[in-house]
N, C-alpha and C. Protein backbone atom coordinates (compact mmCIF):
# COMPACT_ATOMS: atom_id res chain seq x y z
N MET A 1 6.30 -36.06 -3.87
CA MET A 1 7.92 -36.07 -5.03
C MET A 1 7.79 -36.49 -5.63
N PRO A 2 8.50 -36.36 -7.41
CA PRO A 2 8.60 -37.00 -8.08
C PRO A 2 9.82 -38.13 -7.87
N THR A 3 9.68 -39.59 -8.32
CA THR A 3 10.84 -40.20 -8.83
C THR A 3 11.76 -39.81 -9.96
N LEU A 4 13.30 -39.96 -9.38
CA LEU A 4 14.48 -38.98 -10.70
C LEU A 4 14.27 -40.10 -11.54
N SER A 5 14.07 -40.37 -13.01
CA SER A 5 14.66 -40.87 -14.00
C SER A 5 15.94 -41.72 -14.01
N PRO A 6 15.79 -42.76 -14.42
CA PRO A 6 17.16 -43.42 -14.80
C PRO A 6 18.25 -41.71 -15.15
N ALA A 7 18.08 -41.45 -16.87
CA ALA A 7 18.82 -40.71 -17.21
C ALA A 7 19.50 -39.53 -16.00
N ALA A 8 18.30 -38.89 -15.66
CA ALA A 8 18.35 -37.56 -13.91
C ALA A 8 18.89 -38.09 -13.64
N ALA A 9 18.96 -39.70 -13.29
CA ALA A 9 19.82 -40.46 -12.16
C ALA A 9 21.37 -40.41 -12.13
N ILE A 10 21.78 -40.52 -13.25
CA ILE A 10 22.97 -40.78 -14.40
C ILE A 10 23.58 -39.48 -14.05
N ARG A 11 23.15 -38.46 -14.28
CA ARG A 11 22.99 -36.95 -14.97
C ARG A 11 23.62 -36.64 -13.68
N GLU A 12 23.23 -36.83 -12.31
CA GLU A 12 23.17 -36.59 -11.41
C GLU A 12 24.34 -37.36 -10.15
N THR A 13 25.33 -38.36 -11.10
CA THR A 13 25.70 -38.75 -10.00
C THR A 13 27.18 -37.96 -9.66
N PRO A 14 27.76 -37.89 -8.83
CA PRO A 14 29.16 -37.18 -9.70
C PRO A 14 30.07 -37.82 -9.75
N ASP A 15 31.09 -36.79 -10.16
CA ASP A 15 32.41 -37.53 -11.49
C ASP A 15 33.03 -38.30 -9.58
N ARG A 16 33.87 -39.41 -10.56
CA ARG A 16 34.87 -40.35 -10.41
C ARG A 16 33.71 -41.18 -8.87
N SER A 17 32.67 -41.68 -9.83
CA SER A 17 31.31 -42.84 -9.29
C SER A 17 31.39 -44.15 -9.84
N PHE A 18 30.65 -44.98 -9.56
CA PHE A 18 29.98 -45.52 -10.06
C PHE A 18 28.63 -45.93 -10.09
N VAL A 19 28.40 -45.98 -11.52
CA VAL A 19 26.89 -46.91 -11.76
C VAL A 19 26.53 -47.92 -11.84
N HIS A 20 25.56 -48.60 -10.85
CA HIS A 20 25.33 -49.81 -10.97
C HIS A 20 23.82 -50.30 -11.73
N VAL A 21 23.93 -50.28 -12.63
CA VAL A 21 22.06 -50.15 -13.58
C VAL A 21 21.16 -50.96 -12.46
N ASP A 22 21.47 -51.95 -11.92
CA ASP A 22 20.29 -52.09 -10.83
C ASP A 22 20.03 -51.45 -9.44
N ARG A 23 20.80 -50.63 -9.25
CA ARG A 23 20.86 -49.54 -8.73
C ARG A 23 20.00 -48.23 -9.23
N LEU A 24 19.40 -48.14 -10.06
CA LEU A 24 19.03 -47.12 -10.79
C LEU A 24 17.45 -46.96 -11.11
N PRO A 25 16.74 -45.87 -11.15
CA PRO A 25 15.29 -46.21 -10.10
C PRO A 25 14.59 -46.49 -11.64
N GLY A 26 13.25 -46.56 -11.48
CA GLY A 26 12.93 -47.25 -13.32
C GLY A 26 13.00 -48.40 -12.83
N SER A 27 12.64 -49.13 -14.47
CA SER A 27 12.56 -50.62 -14.83
C SER A 27 14.02 -50.81 -15.03
N SER A 28 14.17 -52.23 -15.26
CA SER A 28 15.66 -52.06 -15.41
C SER A 28 15.96 -52.28 -17.35
N THR A 29 14.84 -51.97 -17.99
CA THR A 29 15.10 -51.68 -19.58
C THR A 29 15.06 -50.49 -19.59
N ALA A 30 14.39 -49.19 -19.04
CA ALA A 30 14.89 -48.15 -18.74
C ALA A 30 15.70 -48.06 -18.20
N ALA A 31 16.81 -48.64 -17.32
CA ALA A 31 17.93 -48.04 -16.30
C ALA A 31 18.95 -48.78 -17.48
N ARG A 32 19.11 -50.06 -17.83
CA ARG A 32 20.03 -50.03 -19.72
C ARG A 32 19.85 -49.68 -20.41
N LYS A 33 18.76 -48.64 -20.97
CA LYS A 33 18.96 -48.27 -22.05
C LYS A 33 19.27 -46.43 -22.15
N ALA A 34 19.33 -46.39 -20.41
CA ALA A 34 19.48 -44.79 -20.23
C ALA A 34 21.40 -44.88 -20.05
N ALA A 35 21.62 -45.74 -19.59
CA ALA A 35 23.38 -46.25 -19.45
C ALA A 35 23.85 -46.74 -20.20
N SER A 36 23.21 -47.43 -21.87
CA SER A 36 23.52 -47.46 -23.18
C SER A 36 23.65 -45.46 -23.51
N ARG A 37 22.59 -45.27 -23.87
CA ARG A 37 22.78 -43.64 -24.11
C ARG A 37 23.69 -43.16 -23.19
N ALA A 38 24.00 -43.15 -22.15
CA ALA A 38 25.11 -42.16 -21.67
C ALA A 38 26.48 -42.51 -22.03
N VAL A 39 26.35 -43.67 -22.48
CA VAL A 39 28.05 -44.40 -22.91
C VAL A 39 27.80 -43.34 -24.01
N LYS A 40 26.86 -43.76 -24.60
CA LYS A 40 27.12 -42.81 -26.14
C LYS A 40 27.53 -41.15 -25.80
N ASP A 41 27.14 -40.71 -24.95
CA ASP A 41 27.26 -39.36 -24.94
C ASP A 41 28.16 -39.19 -24.43
N GLY A 42 29.21 -40.02 -24.03
CA GLY A 42 30.22 -39.98 -23.08
C GLY A 42 30.19 -39.51 -21.89
N LEU A 43 29.35 -39.64 -21.08
CA LEU A 43 29.13 -39.78 -19.70
C LEU A 43 29.57 -40.31 -18.93
N LEU A 44 29.63 -41.82 -19.39
CA LEU A 44 30.09 -42.84 -18.99
C LEU A 44 30.66 -43.61 -19.80
N LEU A 45 31.99 -44.38 -18.99
CA LEU A 45 32.43 -45.70 -19.21
C LEU A 45 32.28 -46.98 -18.85
N PRO A 46 32.05 -48.25 -19.82
CA PRO A 46 31.49 -49.28 -19.11
C PRO A 46 32.33 -50.08 -18.61
N VAL A 47 32.39 -50.60 -17.31
CA VAL A 47 32.68 -51.49 -16.74
C VAL A 47 32.90 -52.72 -16.63
N ARG A 48 31.65 -53.24 -16.86
CA ARG A 48 32.07 -54.82 -16.96
C ARG A 48 30.34 -54.39 -17.26
N ARG A 49 29.52 -56.09 -17.21
CA ARG A 49 27.98 -55.97 -17.77
C ARG A 49 27.48 -55.53 -16.14
N GLY A 50 26.40 -54.22 -16.50
CA GLY A 50 25.55 -53.71 -15.25
C GLY A 50 26.28 -52.95 -13.81
N LEU A 51 27.35 -52.34 -14.82
CA LEU A 51 28.52 -51.51 -14.04
C LEU A 51 28.97 -50.48 -14.78
N TYR A 52 28.91 -49.06 -14.50
CA TYR A 52 29.49 -48.50 -15.22
C TYR A 52 30.14 -47.24 -14.27
N TYR A 53 31.55 -46.30 -15.19
CA TYR A 53 31.82 -45.87 -14.24
C TYR A 53 31.77 -44.16 -14.66
N ARG A 54 31.45 -42.54 -14.13
CA ARG A 54 31.58 -41.60 -14.40
C ARG A 54 32.52 -40.84 -13.76
N GLY A 55 33.54 -41.24 -14.67
CA GLY A 55 34.82 -40.13 -14.80
C GLY A 55 34.98 -38.77 -14.71
N ARG A 56 36.21 -38.28 -14.93
CA ARG A 56 36.36 -36.77 -15.02
C ARG A 56 36.73 -36.48 -15.88
N ARG A 57 35.56 -35.24 -16.74
CA ARG A 57 36.34 -35.00 -17.98
C ARG A 57 37.44 -34.23 -18.12
N THR A 58 38.26 -34.25 -19.12
CA THR A 58 39.61 -33.70 -18.93
C THR A 58 39.92 -33.20 -20.47
N ARG A 59 40.98 -32.34 -20.78
CA ARG A 59 41.49 -31.84 -21.78
C ARG A 59 41.59 -33.79 -22.86
N TYR A 60 42.11 -34.75 -22.25
CA TYR A 60 42.15 -35.92 -23.29
C TYR A 60 41.34 -36.98 -23.01
N GLY A 61 40.16 -36.44 -22.36
CA GLY A 61 39.11 -37.46 -22.03
C GLY A 61 38.80 -37.59 -21.15
N VAL A 62 37.83 -38.95 -20.59
CA VAL A 62 37.38 -38.90 -19.43
C VAL A 62 38.16 -39.71 -18.62
N THR A 63 38.27 -39.97 -17.52
CA THR A 63 39.18 -40.08 -16.60
C THR A 63 38.28 -41.85 -16.54
N ALA A 64 39.70 -42.91 -16.23
CA ALA A 64 38.78 -44.31 -15.84
C ALA A 64 39.31 -44.59 -14.48
N PRO A 65 38.75 -45.63 -14.18
CA PRO A 65 38.82 -46.31 -12.51
C PRO A 65 39.99 -47.06 -13.05
N ARG A 66 40.77 -46.69 -11.53
CA ARG A 66 41.63 -48.05 -11.04
C ARG A 66 41.23 -49.19 -10.72
N ALA A 67 41.94 -50.16 -11.23
CA ALA A 67 41.73 -51.40 -11.34
C ALA A 67 41.65 -52.25 -9.07
N ASP A 68 42.01 -51.10 -8.61
CA ASP A 68 41.47 -51.11 -7.22
C ASP A 68 39.98 -50.79 -6.69
N GLU A 69 39.52 -49.61 -7.33
CA GLU A 69 38.64 -49.35 -7.65
C GLU A 69 37.43 -49.91 -8.07
N ILE A 70 37.38 -50.39 -9.15
CA ILE A 70 36.43 -51.40 -9.63
C ILE A 70 36.30 -52.40 -8.75
N ALA A 71 37.34 -53.33 -7.94
CA ALA A 71 37.39 -54.74 -7.60
C ALA A 71 36.51 -54.58 -5.94
N ARG A 72 36.79 -52.70 -5.60
CA ARG A 72 35.40 -53.06 -4.48
C ARG A 72 34.05 -52.42 -5.46
N ALA A 73 34.44 -51.99 -6.23
CA ALA A 73 33.00 -51.41 -6.72
C ALA A 73 31.87 -53.32 -6.90
N VAL A 74 32.42 -54.07 -7.41
CA VAL A 74 32.30 -55.47 -7.51
C VAL A 74 32.30 -56.27 -6.75
N LEU A 75 33.24 -55.85 -5.80
CA LEU A 75 33.50 -57.61 -4.14
C LEU A 75 32.20 -56.70 -3.63
N GLY A 76 32.66 -55.51 -2.71
CA GLY A 76 32.42 -54.51 -2.15
C GLY A 76 33.34 -54.15 -1.10
N THR A 77 32.81 -53.81 0.35
CA THR A 77 34.39 -53.77 0.88
C THR A 77 34.47 -54.01 1.79
N ARG A 78 33.65 -55.17 2.49
CA ARG A 78 33.76 -56.09 3.12
C ARG A 78 34.46 -57.29 3.05
N GLY A 79 35.46 -57.44 4.12
CA GLY A 79 36.12 -58.46 3.61
C GLY A 79 37.32 -58.56 2.48
N ILE A 80 37.39 -57.89 2.00
CA ILE A 80 38.71 -57.70 1.19
C ILE A 80 40.08 -57.01 1.74
N GLY A 81 40.62 -56.73 1.11
CA GLY A 81 41.95 -56.14 1.16
C GLY A 81 43.27 -56.68 -0.09
N PRO A 82 44.31 -55.72 0.12
CA PRO A 82 45.12 -56.10 -0.41
C PRO A 82 46.25 -57.22 0.13
N ALA A 83 46.38 -57.75 -1.32
CA ALA A 83 47.38 -59.36 -0.90
C ALA A 83 48.61 -59.18 -1.61
N GLY A 84 49.56 -59.67 -1.29
CA GLY A 84 50.51 -60.33 -1.58
C GLY A 84 51.62 -59.35 -2.09
N TYR A 85 52.33 -58.22 -2.86
CA TYR A 85 52.80 -57.03 -3.12
C TYR A 85 51.69 -56.35 -3.33
N SER A 86 50.79 -55.86 -3.25
CA SER A 86 49.91 -55.04 -3.08
C SER A 86 49.51 -54.64 -1.68
N ALA A 87 49.90 -55.86 -0.66
CA ALA A 87 49.76 -55.46 0.45
C ALA A 87 51.07 -55.30 1.02
N ALA A 88 52.12 -55.49 0.52
CA ALA A 88 53.04 -54.94 1.29
C ALA A 88 53.32 -53.36 0.49
N ARG A 89 53.33 -53.09 -0.08
CA ARG A 89 52.57 -51.27 -0.57
C ARG A 89 52.26 -51.15 0.56
N ALA A 90 50.52 -51.40 0.77
CA ALA A 90 49.95 -50.43 1.41
C ALA A 90 50.88 -50.36 3.37
N TRP A 91 51.60 -51.15 3.05
CA TRP A 91 52.33 -51.46 4.31
C TRP A 91 53.31 -50.61 4.40
N GLY A 92 54.09 -49.73 3.17
CA GLY A 92 55.24 -49.09 3.17
C GLY A 92 56.24 -49.93 2.97
N VAL A 93 56.53 -51.02 2.64
CA VAL A 93 57.41 -52.14 3.71
C VAL A 93 58.32 -53.25 2.54
N THR A 94 57.67 -52.27 0.87
CA THR A 94 58.47 -52.78 -0.64
C THR A 94 58.16 -51.38 -1.20
N THR A 95 59.70 -51.35 -1.95
CA THR A 95 59.23 -50.66 -3.17
C THR A 95 58.88 -51.10 -4.89
N GLN A 96 58.68 -52.71 -4.42
CA GLN A 96 57.79 -53.00 -6.21
C GLN A 96 56.97 -52.62 -6.26
N ILE A 97 56.82 -52.42 -7.30
CA ILE A 97 54.88 -51.87 -7.63
C ILE A 97 54.15 -52.63 -8.84
N PRO A 98 53.26 -54.11 -7.96
CA PRO A 98 53.05 -55.12 -8.89
C PRO A 98 52.22 -54.51 -10.57
N PRO A 99 52.29 -55.34 -11.49
CA PRO A 99 51.45 -54.78 -12.17
C PRO A 99 50.20 -54.93 -12.35
N VAL A 100 49.40 -55.75 -11.48
CA VAL A 100 47.76 -56.06 -11.02
C VAL A 100 47.96 -55.48 -9.75
N TRP A 101 46.40 -55.29 -9.47
CA TRP A 101 46.03 -54.87 -8.17
C TRP A 101 45.85 -56.52 -7.43
N HIS A 102 46.45 -57.43 -6.23
CA HIS A 102 46.22 -58.01 -5.85
C HIS A 102 44.97 -58.04 -4.50
N VAL A 103 43.78 -59.23 -4.61
CA VAL A 103 42.77 -58.77 -3.62
C VAL A 103 42.52 -59.63 -2.98
N ALA A 104 42.91 -59.52 -1.56
CA ALA A 104 41.98 -61.58 -0.91
C ALA A 104 40.63 -61.41 -0.39
N THR A 105 40.17 -62.13 -0.81
CA THR A 105 38.80 -61.01 -0.67
C THR A 105 37.71 -63.48 -0.36
N LEU A 106 36.60 -63.09 0.37
CA LEU A 106 35.77 -64.10 0.69
C LEU A 106 35.28 -64.90 0.04
N ARG A 107 35.09 -63.88 -1.33
CA ARG A 107 34.82 -64.39 -2.63
C ARG A 107 35.07 -64.49 -3.73
N THR A 108 35.28 -65.11 -4.35
CA THR A 108 35.82 -64.80 -5.93
C THR A 108 34.46 -64.36 -7.05
N VAL A 109 34.67 -63.96 -7.95
CA VAL A 109 33.84 -63.31 -9.04
C VAL A 109 34.41 -63.52 -10.36
N ASP A 110 33.84 -63.34 -11.24
CA ASP A 110 33.87 -63.40 -12.37
C ASP A 110 35.21 -62.47 -12.68
N PRO A 111 36.02 -62.98 -13.63
CA PRO A 111 37.56 -62.28 -13.56
C PRO A 111 37.15 -60.87 -13.85
N ILE A 112 38.39 -60.09 -12.87
CA ILE A 112 38.54 -57.98 -13.27
C ILE A 112 39.41 -58.20 -13.52
N ASP A 113 39.57 -56.82 -15.00
CA ASP A 113 40.83 -56.46 -15.89
C ASP A 113 41.68 -56.30 -14.86
N GLY A 114 42.57 -56.10 -14.52
CA GLY A 114 44.23 -55.53 -13.67
C GLY A 114 43.70 -55.85 -12.12
N VAL A 115 43.00 -56.90 -12.12
CA VAL A 115 42.54 -57.21 -11.00
C VAL A 115 43.26 -59.51 -10.78
N VAL A 116 43.92 -59.77 -9.49
CA VAL A 116 44.02 -61.10 -9.23
C VAL A 116 43.34 -61.59 -8.15
N GLN A 117 42.69 -62.33 -7.77
CA GLN A 117 41.71 -62.57 -6.59
C GLN A 117 42.24 -63.37 -5.95
N HIS A 118 42.21 -63.51 -4.17
CA HIS A 118 43.09 -64.57 -3.71
C HIS A 118 41.81 -64.57 -2.47
N GLU A 119 41.13 -65.82 -2.93
CA GLU A 119 39.73 -66.67 -2.17
C GLU A 119 40.49 -66.95 -0.60
N ARG A 120 39.87 -66.05 0.06
CA ARG A 120 40.36 -67.05 1.79
C ARG A 120 38.84 -67.55 2.32
N ARG A 121 38.96 -68.36 3.44
CA ARG A 121 37.80 -69.04 3.81
C ARG A 121 37.25 -68.58 5.24
N ASN A 122 38.21 -67.49 5.62
CA ASN A 122 38.16 -67.16 7.32
C ASN A 122 37.01 -66.00 7.21
N LEU A 123 35.76 -66.25 7.62
CA LEU A 123 34.57 -65.43 7.26
C LEU A 123 35.05 -64.05 7.83
N ALA A 124 35.59 -64.94 9.44
CA ALA A 124 35.74 -63.42 10.34
C ALA A 124 36.71 -61.92 9.85
N ARG A 125 36.63 -62.76 8.30
CA ARG A 125 37.65 -61.40 8.28
C ARG A 125 36.94 -59.93 8.31
N ALA A 126 35.52 -60.39 7.58
CA ALA A 126 34.24 -59.05 6.91
C ALA A 126 34.34 -58.43 8.35
N ASP A 127 35.11 -58.40 9.51
CA ASP A 127 34.73 -57.52 10.28
C ASP A 127 36.37 -56.88 10.25
N LEU A 128 37.26 -57.05 9.54
CA LEU A 128 38.42 -56.62 9.26
C LEU A 128 38.56 -55.84 8.30
N ASN A 129 38.83 -54.27 8.34
CA ASN A 129 39.53 -53.38 7.56
C ASN A 129 40.33 -53.49 6.41
N GLU A 130 40.89 -52.64 5.58
CA GLU A 130 41.84 -53.14 4.01
C GLU A 130 43.07 -53.27 4.43
N LYS A 131 43.25 -52.49 5.66
CA LYS A 131 44.84 -52.48 6.41
C LYS A 131 44.93 -53.36 7.01
N GLU A 132 43.59 -53.77 7.64
CA GLU A 132 44.36 -55.61 9.06
C GLU A 132 43.86 -56.57 7.81
N ILE A 133 43.60 -56.33 6.63
CA ILE A 133 43.55 -57.84 6.09
C ILE A 133 44.66 -57.56 5.16
N ALA A 134 44.89 -56.79 4.73
CA ALA A 134 46.34 -56.35 4.13
C ALA A 134 47.61 -56.65 5.02
N LEU A 135 47.51 -56.63 5.98
CA LEU A 135 48.63 -56.76 7.17
C LEU A 135 48.69 -58.85 7.56
N LEU A 136 47.37 -59.46 7.54
CA LEU A 136 47.36 -60.70 7.57
C LEU A 136 48.11 -61.55 6.13
N GLU A 137 47.72 -60.49 4.99
CA GLU A 137 48.44 -61.21 4.04
C GLU A 137 49.66 -61.31 3.38
N LEU A 138 50.49 -60.05 4.13
CA LEU A 138 51.63 -59.81 4.27
C LEU A 138 52.22 -61.30 5.29
N LEU A 139 51.55 -60.85 6.19
CA LEU A 139 52.41 -62.33 7.32
C LEU A 139 52.40 -63.80 6.67
N ARG A 140 51.20 -64.10 5.25
CA ARG A 140 51.22 -65.17 4.87
C ARG A 140 53.79 -65.68 4.41
N SER A 141 53.47 -64.65 4.26
CA SER A 141 55.13 -63.80 3.58
C SER A 141 55.78 -63.24 4.04
N PRO A 142 55.80 -62.45 4.86
CA PRO A 142 56.95 -61.63 5.37
C PRO A 142 58.41 -61.12 4.72
N GLU A 143 59.20 -62.74 4.85
CA GLU A 143 60.42 -62.56 4.25
C GLU A 143 60.13 -62.05 2.60
N VAL A 144 59.12 -62.51 1.96
CA VAL A 144 59.78 -62.73 0.72
C VAL A 144 58.88 -60.85 0.36
N TYR A 145 57.52 -60.66 0.92
CA TYR A 145 57.70 -59.35 0.39
C TYR A 145 57.45 -58.73 1.17
N ALA A 146 57.90 -58.27 2.01
CA ALA A 146 58.41 -57.34 3.35
C ALA A 146 60.25 -56.79 3.05
N GLU A 147 60.83 -56.26 1.69
CA GLU A 147 61.56 -56.16 1.49
C GLU A 147 62.70 -55.44 2.80
N ALA A 148 62.25 -54.36 2.95
CA ALA A 148 62.43 -53.47 4.43
C ALA A 148 62.81 -54.27 5.29
N GLY A 149 62.07 -55.68 5.67
CA GLY A 149 62.75 -56.55 7.31
C GLY A 149 61.57 -56.26 8.17
N TRP A 150 61.91 -57.52 8.61
CA TRP A 150 60.62 -56.94 9.54
C TRP A 150 60.74 -56.68 10.98
N ASP A 151 61.41 -55.86 11.19
CA ASP A 151 61.92 -54.61 11.68
C ASP A 151 60.87 -53.64 11.60
N ALA A 152 61.42 -53.05 10.26
CA ALA A 152 60.49 -51.65 9.28
C ALA A 152 58.91 -51.74 9.49
N LEU A 153 58.23 -53.42 9.78
CA LEU A 153 57.37 -54.05 9.33
C LEU A 153 56.45 -54.04 11.03
N ALA A 154 57.30 -53.53 11.50
CA ALA A 154 56.69 -54.29 13.34
C ALA A 154 56.69 -53.11 13.85
N ASP A 155 57.77 -51.64 12.93
CA ASP A 155 57.97 -50.29 13.84
C ASP A 155 56.57 -49.64 12.74
N ASN A 156 56.11 -50.30 11.43
CA ASN A 156 54.83 -49.63 10.83
C ASN A 156 53.68 -50.24 11.57
N VAL A 157 52.90 -51.41 12.17
CA VAL A 157 52.25 -52.15 12.54
C VAL A 157 52.67 -51.52 14.25
N SER A 158 53.28 -50.58 14.63
CA SER A 158 52.89 -50.34 15.95
C SER A 158 52.29 -48.58 15.88
N ALA A 159 53.01 -48.01 14.27
CA ALA A 159 52.64 -46.62 14.12
C ALA A 159 51.01 -46.74 14.11
N ALA A 160 50.70 -47.47 12.94
CA ALA A 160 49.60 -47.67 12.53
C ALA A 160 48.48 -47.77 13.47
N LEU A 161 48.68 -48.68 15.09
CA LEU A 161 47.93 -49.11 15.98
C LEU A 161 47.68 -47.41 17.01
N GLN A 162 49.07 -47.08 16.65
CA GLN A 162 48.76 -45.60 17.57
C GLN A 162 47.99 -44.80 16.83
N ALA A 163 47.74 -44.77 15.73
CA ALA A 163 47.32 -43.85 14.56
C ALA A 163 45.91 -44.08 14.63
N GLY A 164 45.34 -45.19 15.18
CA GLY A 164 43.86 -46.03 14.95
C GLY A 164 44.00 -46.24 13.72
N GLU A 165 44.82 -46.47 12.91
CA GLU A 165 44.15 -47.40 11.26
C GLU A 165 44.35 -48.85 12.06
N ILE A 166 44.11 -49.46 12.60
CA ILE A 166 43.99 -51.08 12.76
C ILE A 166 44.09 -51.35 14.32
N SER A 167 43.02 -51.91 14.42
CA SER A 167 43.17 -52.54 15.83
C SER A 167 43.04 -53.98 16.47
N ALA A 168 44.44 -54.22 17.56
CA ALA A 168 44.85 -55.40 17.81
C ALA A 168 43.47 -56.51 18.54
N ASP A 169 42.92 -56.03 18.64
CA ASP A 169 41.73 -56.69 19.34
C ASP A 169 41.06 -57.16 18.31
N ARG A 170 40.63 -56.61 17.30
CA ARG A 170 39.93 -56.96 16.06
C ARG A 170 40.97 -58.15 15.44
N LEU A 171 41.82 -57.84 14.86
CA LEU A 171 43.43 -58.69 15.09
C LEU A 171 43.10 -60.13 16.00
N ARG A 172 43.08 -59.69 16.79
CA ARG A 172 43.57 -61.41 17.55
C ARG A 172 42.68 -62.57 17.44
N ASN A 173 41.07 -61.31 17.45
CA ASN A 173 39.58 -62.05 17.27
C ASN A 173 40.06 -63.01 15.92
N VAL A 174 40.22 -62.54 15.45
CA VAL A 174 40.27 -63.12 13.29
C VAL A 174 41.43 -63.99 13.55
N VAL A 175 42.62 -63.86 14.01
CA VAL A 175 43.87 -64.70 13.71
C VAL A 175 43.86 -66.05 13.81
N PRO A 176 43.23 -66.35 15.00
CA PRO A 176 43.37 -67.87 15.29
C PRO A 176 42.14 -69.05 13.93
N GLY A 177 41.58 -67.83 13.01
CA GLY A 177 40.95 -68.54 12.36
C GLY A 177 41.21 -68.63 11.34
N GLU A 178 42.57 -68.31 11.10
CA GLU A 178 43.26 -68.07 9.51
C GLU A 178 44.14 -69.59 9.50
N TYR A 179 43.95 -70.17 8.24
CA TYR A 179 43.93 -71.50 7.42
C TYR A 179 45.59 -71.67 7.42
N ASN A 180 46.32 -70.51 7.54
CA ASN A 180 47.44 -70.48 6.73
C ASN A 180 48.57 -70.34 8.62
N ARG A 181 49.14 -71.59 8.58
CA ARG A 181 49.74 -70.82 9.72
C ARG A 181 50.85 -70.49 9.35
N ALA A 182 51.56 -70.08 8.87
CA ALA A 182 52.49 -69.00 9.24
C ALA A 182 52.38 -67.24 9.51
N VAL A 183 50.89 -67.12 9.39
CA VAL A 183 49.88 -65.78 9.75
C VAL A 183 49.92 -66.02 11.27
N ARG A 184 49.65 -67.26 11.93
CA ARG A 184 49.08 -67.47 12.75
C ARG A 184 50.18 -67.20 13.52
N ASP A 185 51.49 -67.61 13.14
CA ASP A 185 52.71 -67.80 13.33
C ASP A 185 53.55 -66.64 13.96
N ASN A 186 53.38 -65.68 12.49
CA ASN A 186 54.47 -63.97 11.97
C ASN A 186 53.45 -63.48 12.90
N PHE A 187 52.21 -63.25 13.17
CA PHE A 187 50.94 -62.85 14.09
C PHE A 187 51.74 -63.08 15.42
N ALA A 188 51.78 -63.82 15.76
CA ALA A 188 52.66 -64.12 17.55
C ALA A 188 53.54 -63.31 16.98
N ARG A 189 55.29 -63.32 16.91
CA ARG A 189 55.57 -62.50 16.76
C ARG A 189 55.76 -61.71 16.74
N LEU A 190 54.94 -60.68 16.63
CA LEU A 190 54.32 -59.50 16.15
C LEU A 190 53.63 -58.88 17.53
N GLU A 191 53.50 -59.77 18.01
CA GLU A 191 52.21 -58.80 19.87
C GLU A 191 53.12 -58.24 20.31
N THR A 192 54.36 -58.68 20.57
CA THR A 192 55.44 -57.82 21.21
C THR A 192 55.48 -56.87 20.78
N ALA A 193 55.22 -56.05 19.69
CA ALA A 193 55.56 -54.73 19.06
C ALA A 193 54.40 -54.10 19.54
N MET A 194 52.93 -55.31 19.22
CA MET A 194 51.24 -54.58 19.66
C MET A 194 51.33 -54.07 20.67
N MET A 195 51.68 -55.36 21.07
CA MET A 195 51.31 -54.65 23.26
C MET A 195 52.17 -53.11 23.43
N ALA A 196 53.45 -52.76 22.76
CA ALA A 196 54.47 -52.05 23.03
C ALA A 196 53.87 -50.57 22.76
N ALA A 197 52.85 -50.94 21.42
CA ALA A 197 51.54 -50.14 20.74
C ALA A 197 50.32 -49.65 21.38
N GLU A 198 50.20 -49.94 22.46
CA GLU A 198 48.96 -49.97 23.01
C GLU A 198 48.74 -49.70 23.88
């Protein structure tokens, strides 16, 4: 079975997908040239070095990726999640719309447009999903970010547990390794609501 050329691989990439040049078939030179041609042809949008986006064609042009999508494409999906007001939005406890996406990550990279990175050193976070990481970030300062109040946050956590969106056991395993004491203390406050929901 013949191997796809880099250009063919790009053409077969679904809309609203990222293209990593180093993952294309063929030599690195052929992959770079194919990506460059695809940009000129309007098939790909350049995002950053070695990363492109195949947007959906509309009457107004090709759609661009959102900042959070770019962050996931660059940082991966393990050990990352919204931080600050972005975390509060993920949990539905604020009406604030942050102008940039704040992300907590185990490793920071070169700046990403529209994204503010916050490095966290608790490697156990790699076992959490985005919603669970957003909760830990929110617990750093709930009085600032949860404008709906503590009770609304506790109710949302209970609902998320019952829906299977988060795991109390995973969180309990990770929280002791959090360097921020407020996270540990506020998580202890949440335990009553969590135990009632389990």
